[in-house]
N, C-alpha and C. Protein backbone atom coordinates (compact mmCIF):
# COMPACT_ATOMS: atom_id res chain seq x y z
N UNK A 1 74.46 -120.65 82.31
CA UNK A 1 73.63 -119.54 82.73
C UNK A 1 72.40 -119.53 81.84
N UNK A 2 71.21 -119.43 82.46
CA UNK A 2 69.98 -119.44 81.67
C UNK A 2 69.94 -118.25 80.71
N UNK A 3 69.24 -118.42 79.61
CA UNK A 3 69.16 -117.41 78.55
C UNK A 3 68.57 -116.11 79.07
N UNK A 4 67.50 -116.19 79.87
CA UNK A 4 66.86 -114.95 80.35
C UNK A 4 67.80 -114.16 81.26
N UNK A 5 68.65 -114.82 82.03
CA UNK A 5 69.61 -114.13 82.90
C UNK A 5 70.67 -113.46 82.03
N UNK A 6 71.12 -114.15 81.00
CA UNK A 6 72.12 -113.58 80.08
C UNK A 6 71.54 -112.34 79.39
N UNK A 7 70.29 -112.42 78.93
CA UNK A 7 69.63 -111.28 78.26
C UNK A 7 69.48 -110.11 79.23
N UNK A 8 69.08 -110.44 80.46
CA UNK A 8 68.93 -109.40 81.48
C UNK A 8 70.28 -108.72 81.74
N UNK A 9 71.33 -109.51 81.88
CA UNK A 9 72.67 -108.98 82.15
C UNK A 9 73.15 -108.08 80.99
N UNK A 10 72.99 -108.54 79.75
CA UNK A 10 73.38 -107.74 78.57
C UNK A 10 72.55 -106.46 78.51
N UNK A 11 71.26 -106.56 78.77
CA UNK A 11 70.39 -105.40 78.76
C UNK A 11 70.79 -104.39 79.84
N UNK A 12 71.12 -104.88 81.04
CA UNK A 12 71.53 -104.00 82.13
C UNK A 12 72.84 -103.29 81.80
N UNK A 13 73.80 -104.01 81.23
CA UNK A 13 75.08 -103.40 80.86
C UNK A 13 74.87 -102.35 79.77
N UNK A 14 74.04 -102.66 78.78
CA UNK A 14 73.76 -101.72 77.70
C UNK A 14 73.07 -100.47 78.25
N UNK A 15 72.08 -100.65 79.14
CA UNK A 15 71.37 -99.51 79.73
C UNK A 15 72.33 -98.64 80.55
N UNK A 16 73.21 -99.30 81.32
CA UNK A 16 74.19 -98.55 82.10
C UNK A 16 75.12 -97.75 81.19
N UNK A 17 75.56 -98.33 80.09
CA UNK A 17 76.46 -97.65 79.15
C UNK A 17 75.77 -96.42 78.55
N UNK A 18 74.50 -96.57 78.17
CA UNK A 18 73.75 -95.44 77.61
C UNK A 18 73.59 -94.35 78.66
N UNK A 19 73.25 -94.72 79.89
CA UNK A 19 73.07 -93.74 80.96
C UNK A 19 74.38 -93.01 81.26
N UNK A 20 75.49 -93.73 81.27
CA UNK A 20 76.79 -93.09 81.52
C UNK A 20 77.14 -92.12 80.40
N UNK A 21 76.90 -92.53 79.15
CA UNK A 21 77.15 -91.67 78.00
C UNK A 21 76.32 -90.39 78.10
N UNK A 22 75.02 -90.54 78.39
CA UNK A 22 74.13 -89.38 78.50
C UNK A 22 74.57 -88.47 79.64
N UNK A 23 74.93 -89.05 80.78
CA UNK A 23 75.36 -88.24 81.91
C UNK A 23 76.61 -87.46 81.57
N UNK A 24 77.55 -88.09 80.89
CA UNK A 24 78.81 -87.43 80.56
C UNK A 24 78.59 -86.28 79.58
N UNK A 25 77.81 -86.50 78.53
CA UNK A 25 77.67 -85.49 77.49
C UNK A 25 76.54 -84.50 77.72
N UNK A 26 75.48 -84.92 78.39
CA UNK A 26 74.33 -84.03 78.52
C UNK A 26 74.17 -83.42 79.90
N UNK A 27 74.78 -83.99 80.90
CA UNK A 27 74.62 -83.45 82.23
C UNK A 27 75.85 -82.71 82.72
N UNK A 28 76.94 -82.68 81.92
CA UNK A 28 78.13 -81.95 82.33
C UNK A 28 77.81 -80.46 82.31
N UNK A 29 78.44 -79.67 83.13
CA UNK A 29 78.13 -78.24 83.17
C UNK A 29 78.39 -77.58 81.82
N UNK A 30 77.35 -76.95 81.28
CA UNK A 30 77.49 -76.33 79.96
C UNK A 30 78.45 -75.15 80.00
N UNK A 31 78.48 -74.42 81.11
CA UNK A 31 79.36 -73.26 81.19
C UNK A 31 80.82 -73.66 81.02
N UNK A 32 81.23 -74.72 81.70
CA UNK A 32 82.62 -75.14 81.55
C UNK A 32 82.88 -75.67 80.15
N UNK A 33 81.89 -76.31 79.55
CA UNK A 33 82.05 -76.79 78.17
C UNK A 33 82.18 -75.60 77.23
N UNK A 34 81.35 -74.57 77.44
CA UNK A 34 81.43 -73.37 76.59
C UNK A 34 82.76 -72.67 76.79
N UNK A 35 83.22 -72.58 78.03
CA UNK A 35 84.51 -71.95 78.31
C UNK A 35 85.63 -72.74 77.65
N UNK A 36 85.56 -74.07 77.73
CA UNK A 36 86.54 -74.93 77.06
C UNK A 36 86.56 -74.64 75.56
N UNK A 37 85.37 -74.49 74.98
CA UNK A 37 85.27 -74.23 73.55
C UNK A 37 85.95 -72.92 73.19
N UNK A 38 85.75 -71.88 74.00
CA UNK A 38 86.36 -70.58 73.73
C UNK A 38 87.87 -70.67 73.85
N UNK A 39 88.35 -71.25 74.92
CA UNK A 39 89.79 -71.31 75.17
C UNK A 39 90.51 -72.17 74.13
N UNK A 40 89.89 -73.27 73.73
CA UNK A 40 90.56 -74.22 72.84
C UNK A 40 90.25 -74.01 71.37
N UNK A 41 89.39 -73.06 71.03
CA UNK A 41 89.02 -72.83 69.64
C UNK A 41 90.04 -71.90 68.99
N UNK A 42 90.65 -72.36 67.92
CA UNK A 42 91.67 -71.57 67.23
C UNK A 42 91.08 -70.28 66.67
N UNK A 43 89.85 -70.35 66.17
CA UNK A 43 89.24 -69.18 65.54
C UNK A 43 89.02 -68.03 66.52
N UNK A 44 88.70 -68.33 67.79
CA UNK A 44 88.44 -67.26 68.75
C UNK A 44 89.71 -66.72 69.39
N UNK A 45 90.80 -67.43 69.25
CA UNK A 45 92.09 -67.04 69.84
C UNK A 45 91.94 -66.74 71.33
N UNK A 46 91.09 -67.53 72.02
CA UNK A 46 90.92 -67.38 73.46
C UNK A 46 90.01 -66.26 73.89
N UNK A 47 89.43 -65.51 72.94
CA UNK A 47 88.52 -64.41 73.28
C UNK A 47 87.10 -64.93 73.44
N UNK A 48 86.34 -64.28 74.30
CA UNK A 48 84.94 -64.65 74.48
C UNK A 48 84.15 -64.29 73.23
N UNK A 49 83.16 -65.08 72.93
CA UNK A 49 82.29 -64.82 71.80
C UNK A 49 81.07 -64.03 72.27
N UNK A 50 80.54 -63.17 71.40
CA UNK A 50 79.33 -62.44 71.75
C UNK A 50 78.12 -63.31 71.46
N UNK A 51 77.04 -63.15 72.21
CA UNK A 51 75.88 -64.02 72.00
C UNK A 51 75.16 -63.68 70.70
N UNK A 52 74.69 -64.71 70.02
CA UNK A 52 73.90 -64.51 68.80
C UNK A 52 72.43 -64.61 69.17
N UNK A 53 71.60 -64.12 68.31
CA UNK A 53 70.17 -64.27 68.52
C UNK A 53 69.55 -63.19 69.37
N UNK A 54 70.27 -62.12 69.65
CA UNK A 54 69.73 -61.03 70.45
C UNK A 54 68.94 -60.11 69.52
N UNK A 55 67.72 -59.77 69.92
CA UNK A 55 66.88 -58.92 69.09
C UNK A 55 67.31 -57.47 69.16
N UNK A 56 67.32 -56.81 68.01
CA UNK A 56 67.48 -55.37 67.95
C UNK A 56 66.09 -54.77 67.94
N UNK A 57 65.90 -53.67 68.61
CA UNK A 57 64.60 -53.01 68.56
C UNK A 57 64.67 -51.82 67.62
N UNK A 58 63.52 -51.46 67.11
CA UNK A 58 63.39 -50.30 66.24
C UNK A 58 63.00 -49.12 67.13
N UNK A 59 63.78 -48.06 67.10
CA UNK A 59 63.54 -46.91 67.98
C UNK A 59 62.19 -46.26 67.69
N UNK A 60 61.71 -46.34 66.44
CA UNK A 60 60.44 -45.70 66.10
C UNK A 60 59.24 -46.45 66.66
N UNK A 61 59.33 -47.77 66.76
CA UNK A 61 58.17 -48.57 67.18
C UNK A 61 58.36 -49.27 68.52
N UNK A 62 59.60 -49.35 69.00
CA UNK A 62 59.96 -50.13 70.19
C UNK A 62 59.64 -51.62 70.05
N UNK A 63 59.49 -52.07 68.82
CA UNK A 63 59.26 -53.48 68.50
C UNK A 63 60.55 -54.06 67.94
N UNK A 64 60.66 -55.39 67.88
CA UNK A 64 61.85 -55.96 67.25
C UNK A 64 62.00 -55.45 65.83
N UNK A 65 63.23 -55.09 65.47
CA UNK A 65 63.50 -54.58 64.12
C UNK A 65 63.36 -55.72 63.12
N UNK A 66 62.76 -55.40 61.98
CA UNK A 66 62.58 -56.39 60.92
C UNK A 66 63.60 -56.09 59.84
N UNK A 67 64.43 -57.07 59.53
CA UNK A 67 65.47 -56.90 58.53
C UNK A 67 65.50 -58.15 57.66
N UNK A 68 64.69 -58.17 56.57
CA UNK A 68 64.61 -59.38 55.76
C UNK A 68 65.88 -59.59 54.94
N UNK A 69 66.53 -60.72 55.11
CA UNK A 69 67.71 -61.14 54.37
C UNK A 69 68.78 -60.06 54.33
N UNK A 70 69.38 -59.79 55.47
CA UNK A 70 70.49 -58.84 55.53
C UNK A 70 71.68 -59.45 54.80
N UNK A 71 72.19 -58.73 53.81
CA UNK A 71 73.29 -59.27 52.99
C UNK A 71 74.60 -58.52 53.18
N UNK A 72 74.57 -57.41 53.90
CA UNK A 72 75.80 -56.64 54.08
C UNK A 72 75.66 -55.75 55.31
N UNK A 73 76.78 -55.59 56.02
CA UNK A 73 76.89 -54.64 57.12
C UNK A 73 78.10 -53.77 56.82
N UNK A 74 77.96 -52.46 56.93
CA UNK A 74 79.07 -51.54 56.74
C UNK A 74 79.06 -50.53 57.87
N UNK A 75 80.21 -50.33 58.48
CA UNK A 75 80.33 -49.37 59.59
C UNK A 75 80.55 -47.98 59.02
N UNK A 76 79.95 -46.99 59.64
CA UNK A 76 80.07 -45.61 59.17
C UNK A 76 81.51 -45.11 59.30
N UNK A 77 81.91 -44.14 58.46
CA UNK A 77 83.31 -43.70 58.43
C UNK A 77 83.70 -42.71 59.53
N UNK A 78 82.74 -42.24 60.32
CA UNK A 78 83.07 -41.28 61.38
C UNK A 78 83.83 -41.98 62.50
N UNK A 79 84.25 -41.24 63.49
CA UNK A 79 84.96 -41.84 64.63
C UNK A 79 84.26 -41.50 65.94
N UNK A 80 82.93 -41.39 65.90
CA UNK A 80 82.18 -41.00 67.09
C UNK A 80 81.60 -42.19 67.85
N UNK A 81 82.02 -43.40 67.50
CA UNK A 81 81.59 -44.58 68.24
C UNK A 81 82.31 -44.70 69.56
N UNK A 82 81.77 -45.48 70.45
CA UNK A 82 82.36 -45.66 71.79
C UNK A 82 83.79 -46.19 71.71
N UNK A 83 84.11 -46.92 70.66
CA UNK A 83 85.46 -47.48 70.51
C UNK A 83 86.34 -46.62 69.61
N UNK A 84 85.90 -45.40 69.27
CA UNK A 84 86.68 -44.51 68.42
C UNK A 84 86.52 -44.80 66.94
N UNK A 85 85.68 -45.75 66.59
CA UNK A 85 85.38 -46.07 65.19
C UNK A 85 83.99 -45.56 64.87
N UNK A 86 83.45 -45.95 63.73
CA UNK A 86 82.14 -45.48 63.32
C UNK A 86 81.05 -45.80 64.32
N UNK A 87 80.17 -44.83 64.55
CA UNK A 87 79.09 -44.99 65.52
C UNK A 87 77.96 -45.86 64.99
N UNK A 88 77.79 -45.91 63.67
CA UNK A 88 76.63 -46.55 63.07
C UNK A 88 77.02 -47.76 62.23
N UNK A 89 76.11 -48.70 62.18
CA UNK A 89 76.25 -49.87 61.33
C UNK A 89 75.09 -49.82 60.35
N UNK A 90 75.40 -49.85 59.05
CA UNK A 90 74.37 -49.82 58.02
C UNK A 90 74.13 -51.25 57.57
N UNK A 91 72.89 -51.72 57.66
CA UNK A 91 72.52 -53.07 57.22
C UNK A 91 71.76 -52.96 55.91
N UNK A 92 72.21 -53.70 54.90
CA UNK A 92 71.50 -53.76 53.62
C UNK A 92 70.60 -54.99 53.68
N UNK A 93 69.30 -54.75 53.63
CA UNK A 93 68.30 -55.82 53.73
C UNK A 93 67.68 -56.03 52.37
N UNK A 94 68.15 -57.03 51.66
CA UNK A 94 67.68 -57.28 50.28
C UNK A 94 66.47 -58.19 50.31
N UNK A 95 66.62 -59.43 49.96
CA UNK A 95 65.51 -60.37 50.02
C UNK A 95 64.27 -59.90 49.28
N UNK A 96 63.13 -60.52 49.60
CA UNK A 96 61.87 -60.15 48.97
C UNK A 96 61.42 -58.78 49.44
N UNK A 97 61.73 -58.43 50.67
CA UNK A 97 61.37 -57.13 51.21
C UNK A 97 60.19 -57.19 52.16
N UNK A 98 59.78 -56.04 52.63
CA UNK A 98 58.68 -55.91 53.59
C UNK A 98 57.42 -55.45 52.88
N UNK A 99 56.28 -55.96 53.32
CA UNK A 99 54.99 -55.47 52.86
C UNK A 99 54.21 -55.08 54.11
N UNK A 100 53.64 -53.89 54.10
CA UNK A 100 52.98 -53.37 55.29
C UNK A 100 51.48 -53.60 55.29
N UNK A 101 50.88 -53.82 54.12
CA UNK A 101 49.45 -54.15 54.02
C UNK A 101 49.21 -54.77 52.64
N UNK A 102 47.95 -55.02 52.30
CA UNK A 102 47.65 -55.68 51.02
C UNK A 102 47.99 -54.83 49.81
N UNK A 103 47.93 -53.53 49.95
CA UNK A 103 48.23 -52.65 48.82
C UNK A 103 49.72 -52.33 48.71
N UNK A 104 50.46 -52.61 49.75
CA UNK A 104 51.88 -52.28 49.82
C UNK A 104 52.69 -53.14 48.86
N UNK A 105 53.72 -52.52 48.28
CA UNK A 105 54.66 -53.27 47.44
C UNK A 105 55.80 -53.76 48.33
N UNK A 106 56.47 -54.82 47.89
CA UNK A 106 57.63 -55.33 48.63
C UNK A 106 58.71 -54.25 48.65
N UNK A 107 59.35 -54.07 49.82
CA UNK A 107 60.33 -53.00 49.97
C UNK A 107 61.59 -53.51 50.65
N UNK A 108 62.70 -53.39 49.95
CA UNK A 108 63.99 -53.66 50.57
C UNK A 108 64.34 -52.43 51.40
N UNK A 109 65.28 -52.59 52.33
CA UNK A 109 65.57 -51.47 53.23
C UNK A 109 67.06 -51.35 53.53
N UNK A 110 67.42 -50.16 54.00
CA UNK A 110 68.68 -49.92 54.69
C UNK A 110 68.28 -49.65 56.13
N UNK A 111 68.93 -50.31 57.07
CA UNK A 111 68.67 -50.05 58.49
C UNK A 111 69.92 -49.43 59.09
N UNK A 112 69.74 -48.35 59.83
CA UNK A 112 70.85 -47.70 60.51
C UNK A 112 70.79 -48.10 61.98
N UNK A 113 71.85 -48.77 62.44
CA UNK A 113 71.92 -49.26 63.81
C UNK A 113 72.90 -48.39 64.59
N UNK A 114 72.43 -47.78 65.68
CA UNK A 114 73.27 -46.94 66.52
C UNK A 114 74.00 -47.84 67.52
N UNK A 115 75.30 -47.94 67.37
CA UNK A 115 76.11 -48.81 68.24
C UNK A 115 76.42 -48.17 69.59
N UNK A 116 76.18 -46.87 69.74
CA UNK A 116 76.46 -46.21 71.01
C UNK A 116 75.39 -46.46 72.06
N UNK A 117 74.32 -47.12 71.70
CA UNK A 117 73.28 -47.46 72.67
C UNK A 117 73.56 -48.80 73.34
N UNK A 118 74.80 -49.28 73.26
CA UNK A 118 75.17 -50.59 73.81
C UNK A 118 74.81 -50.64 75.29
N UNK A 119 74.41 -51.74 75.85
CA UNK A 119 74.35 -53.04 75.19
C UNK A 119 73.09 -53.24 74.38
N UNK A 120 72.20 -52.27 74.33
CA UNK A 120 70.95 -52.40 73.59
C UNK A 120 70.99 -51.56 72.32
N UNK A 121 71.83 -51.93 71.37
CA UNK A 121 71.88 -51.20 70.10
C UNK A 121 70.51 -51.22 69.45
N UNK A 122 70.18 -50.12 68.76
CA UNK A 122 68.84 -49.98 68.19
C UNK A 122 68.91 -49.53 66.75
N UNK A 123 67.88 -49.91 65.99
CA UNK A 123 67.71 -49.39 64.63
C UNK A 123 67.07 -48.02 64.79
N UNK A 124 67.78 -46.98 64.33
CA UNK A 124 67.26 -45.62 64.52
C UNK A 124 66.67 -45.04 63.23
N UNK A 125 66.93 -45.69 62.09
CA UNK A 125 66.38 -45.20 60.84
C UNK A 125 66.29 -46.35 59.85
N UNK A 126 65.23 -46.33 59.05
CA UNK A 126 65.08 -47.24 57.92
C UNK A 126 64.86 -46.40 56.67
N UNK A 127 65.50 -46.78 55.60
CA UNK A 127 65.26 -46.18 54.29
C UNK A 127 64.64 -47.29 53.45
N UNK A 128 63.50 -46.99 52.82
CA UNK A 128 62.72 -48.00 52.11
C UNK A 128 62.91 -47.87 50.61
N UNK A 129 62.97 -49.00 49.93
CA UNK A 129 63.11 -49.07 48.48
C UNK A 129 61.90 -49.81 47.92
N UNK A 130 60.76 -49.09 47.68
CA UNK A 130 59.57 -49.77 47.17
C UNK A 130 59.84 -50.33 45.76
N UNK A 131 59.33 -51.53 45.48
CA UNK A 131 59.47 -52.16 44.18
C UNK A 131 58.99 -51.19 43.11
N UNK A 132 59.71 -51.00 42.02
CA UNK A 132 60.83 -51.76 41.49
C UNK A 132 62.20 -51.28 41.98
N UNK A 133 62.23 -50.29 42.88
CA UNK A 133 63.52 -49.86 43.43
C UNK A 133 64.11 -50.99 44.27
N UNK A 134 65.42 -50.99 44.42
CA UNK A 134 66.04 -52.05 45.22
C UNK A 134 67.36 -51.59 45.80
N UNK A 135 67.73 -52.24 46.89
CA UNK A 135 69.05 -52.08 47.49
C UNK A 135 69.68 -53.46 47.42
N UNK A 136 70.82 -53.57 46.78
CA UNK A 136 71.41 -54.88 46.60
C UNK A 136 72.50 -55.11 47.62
N UNK A 137 73.66 -55.59 47.25
CA UNK A 137 74.69 -55.97 48.19
C UNK A 137 75.51 -54.82 48.74
N UNK A 138 75.92 -53.90 47.90
CA UNK A 138 76.98 -53.00 48.30
C UNK A 138 76.57 -51.67 48.88
N UNK A 139 77.32 -51.25 49.90
CA UNK A 139 77.26 -49.90 50.46
C UNK A 139 78.70 -49.48 50.67
N UNK A 140 78.99 -48.26 50.29
CA UNK A 140 80.32 -47.71 50.58
C UNK A 140 80.19 -46.22 50.80
N UNK A 141 81.19 -45.66 51.45
CA UNK A 141 81.22 -44.23 51.75
C UNK A 141 82.39 -43.58 51.04
N UNK A 142 82.26 -42.27 50.78
CA UNK A 142 83.42 -41.52 50.31
C UNK A 142 84.47 -41.55 51.42
N UNK A 143 85.71 -41.48 51.04
CA UNK A 143 86.78 -41.60 52.04
C UNK A 143 87.01 -40.31 52.82
N UNK A 144 86.55 -39.19 52.29
CA UNK A 144 86.74 -37.91 52.97
C UNK A 144 85.39 -37.24 53.21
N UNK A 145 85.35 -36.44 54.28
CA UNK A 145 84.15 -35.66 54.57
C UNK A 145 83.95 -34.60 53.50
N UNK A 146 82.67 -34.31 53.25
CA UNK A 146 82.35 -33.19 52.38
C UNK A 146 82.51 -31.91 53.19
N UNK A 147 82.46 -30.76 52.53
CA UNK A 147 82.67 -29.47 53.20
C UNK A 147 81.67 -29.23 54.32
N UNK A 148 80.47 -29.79 54.20
CA UNK A 148 79.44 -29.58 55.23
C UNK A 148 79.50 -30.61 56.36
N UNK A 149 80.54 -31.45 56.39
CA UNK A 149 80.72 -32.43 57.47
C UNK A 149 80.00 -33.75 57.24
N UNK A 150 79.37 -33.91 56.08
CA UNK A 150 78.68 -35.16 55.76
C UNK A 150 79.60 -36.04 54.92
N UNK A 151 79.18 -37.28 54.76
CA UNK A 151 79.87 -38.23 53.88
C UNK A 151 78.91 -38.59 52.76
N UNK A 152 79.43 -38.80 51.57
CA UNK A 152 78.59 -39.32 50.49
C UNK A 152 78.55 -40.83 50.64
N UNK A 153 77.34 -41.38 50.56
CA UNK A 153 77.14 -42.82 50.71
C UNK A 153 76.55 -43.36 49.41
N UNK A 154 77.13 -44.46 48.92
CA UNK A 154 76.69 -45.07 47.67
C UNK A 154 76.10 -46.45 47.98
N UNK A 155 74.93 -46.73 47.38
CA UNK A 155 74.25 -48.01 47.59
C UNK A 155 73.95 -48.62 46.22
N UNK A 156 74.33 -49.89 46.05
CA UNK A 156 74.05 -50.59 44.79
C UNK A 156 72.58 -50.96 44.73
N UNK A 157 71.93 -50.58 43.64
CA UNK A 157 70.53 -50.94 43.40
C UNK A 157 70.47 -51.89 42.23
N UNK A 158 70.25 -53.15 42.50
CA UNK A 158 70.39 -54.19 41.50
C UNK A 158 69.34 -54.23 40.43
N UNK A 159 68.05 -54.13 40.78
CA UNK A 159 67.00 -54.39 39.81
C UNK A 159 67.01 -53.39 38.67
N UNK A 160 67.21 -52.12 38.95
CA UNK A 160 67.18 -51.09 37.92
C UNK A 160 68.57 -50.64 37.50
N UNK A 161 69.60 -51.39 37.91
CA UNK A 161 70.99 -51.03 37.58
C UNK A 161 71.31 -49.60 37.99
N UNK A 162 70.97 -49.27 39.22
CA UNK A 162 71.21 -47.93 39.75
C UNK A 162 72.29 -47.96 40.82
N UNK A 163 72.89 -46.81 41.02
CA UNK A 163 73.70 -46.56 42.20
C UNK A 163 73.03 -45.39 42.90
N UNK A 164 72.50 -45.68 44.09
CA UNK A 164 71.82 -44.65 44.88
C UNK A 164 72.87 -43.82 45.60
N UNK A 165 72.70 -42.50 45.60
CA UNK A 165 73.64 -41.61 46.28
C UNK A 165 72.89 -40.88 47.39
N UNK A 166 73.42 -41.03 48.61
CA UNK A 166 72.83 -40.40 49.78
C UNK A 166 73.87 -39.53 50.47
N UNK A 167 73.41 -38.66 51.35
CA UNK A 167 74.28 -37.94 52.28
C UNK A 167 74.16 -38.64 53.63
N UNK A 168 75.28 -38.79 54.30
CA UNK A 168 75.30 -39.42 55.62
C UNK A 168 75.90 -38.44 56.60
N UNK A 169 75.09 -38.01 57.58
CA UNK A 169 75.52 -37.05 58.57
C UNK A 169 75.46 -37.70 59.95
N UNK A 170 76.62 -38.11 60.51
CA UNK A 170 76.62 -38.82 61.78
C UNK A 170 76.12 -38.00 62.97
N UNK A 171 75.96 -36.69 62.81
CA UNK A 171 75.47 -35.88 63.93
C UNK A 171 73.96 -35.68 63.90
N UNK A 172 73.29 -36.18 62.88
CA UNK A 172 71.83 -36.05 62.78
C UNK A 172 71.13 -37.21 63.49
N UNK A 173 69.89 -36.97 63.92
CA UNK A 173 69.09 -38.02 64.55
C UNK A 173 68.83 -39.16 63.57
N UNK A 174 68.55 -38.84 62.31
CA UNK A 174 68.44 -39.81 61.23
C UNK A 174 69.54 -39.48 60.23
N UNK A 175 70.64 -40.22 60.27
CA UNK A 175 71.84 -39.82 59.53
C UNK A 175 71.75 -39.89 58.01
N UNK A 176 70.89 -40.73 57.43
CA UNK A 176 70.82 -40.85 55.97
C UNK A 176 69.78 -39.89 55.42
N UNK A 177 70.19 -39.11 54.42
CA UNK A 177 69.24 -38.25 53.72
C UNK A 177 69.49 -38.36 52.22
N UNK A 178 68.48 -38.33 51.40
CA UNK A 178 67.09 -38.20 51.83
C UNK A 178 66.59 -39.53 52.39
N UNK A 179 65.71 -39.43 53.36
CA UNK A 179 65.05 -40.61 53.90
C UNK A 179 63.65 -40.68 53.32
N UNK A 180 62.90 -41.67 53.73
CA UNK A 180 61.52 -41.79 53.29
C UNK A 180 60.75 -42.66 54.26
N UNK A 181 59.48 -42.78 54.03
CA UNK A 181 58.58 -43.63 54.82
C UNK A 181 58.21 -44.85 53.98
N UNK A 182 57.66 -45.90 54.59
CA UNK A 182 57.23 -47.04 53.80
C UNK A 182 56.27 -46.64 52.68
N UNK A 183 56.39 -47.28 51.56
CA UNK A 183 55.51 -47.08 50.41
C UNK A 183 55.57 -45.67 49.81
N UNK A 184 56.66 -44.94 50.07
CA UNK A 184 56.81 -43.63 49.44
C UNK A 184 58.04 -43.66 48.54
N UNK A 185 57.97 -42.85 47.50
CA UNK A 185 59.05 -42.81 46.50
C UNK A 185 60.36 -42.37 47.16
N UNK A 186 61.42 -43.01 46.75
CA UNK A 186 62.74 -42.65 47.23
C UNK A 186 63.34 -41.63 46.27
N UNK A 187 63.78 -40.48 46.78
CA UNK A 187 64.24 -39.39 45.91
C UNK A 187 65.75 -39.23 45.95
N UNK A 188 66.48 -40.29 46.23
CA UNK A 188 67.94 -40.23 46.25
C UNK A 188 68.48 -40.23 44.84
């Protein structure tokens, strides 16, 4: 067999093998592959996974919520959520923080996410920690309600070795008090 025919034959077989491989792995229905992954994945125990990458909006601006380097999520201790658990999710956003203009200092934040607005959960409140104030990793609540129906909320402040103490009232429009605006002193 002439050399050019042999090369053509080898090239055709190789091209066919690549095309078959691509068709099998890249053209197979993704939905069935995803369903297979859910059913056969030990970690999911056969349950559907929720989609990642969905934007939360900020109720104050109707823009995507900005949460730089979220390091902790803690669910509120009340039972007013749709599932009988806490209605709110508190996100601790540490990182470098947010700057709103050239004069603004970097600000870490706490974001309060209302889970009862499902499927479009929203950030309904932000508490700002202008530099040198900070919110670090930890958030926890008192285990019992105070006499006025609020919970005491404790937030670790790393830079100044502080523990911030707030009141958390799940029946308020903005549950964390005291709150503040960007670039204003936090009086907790």
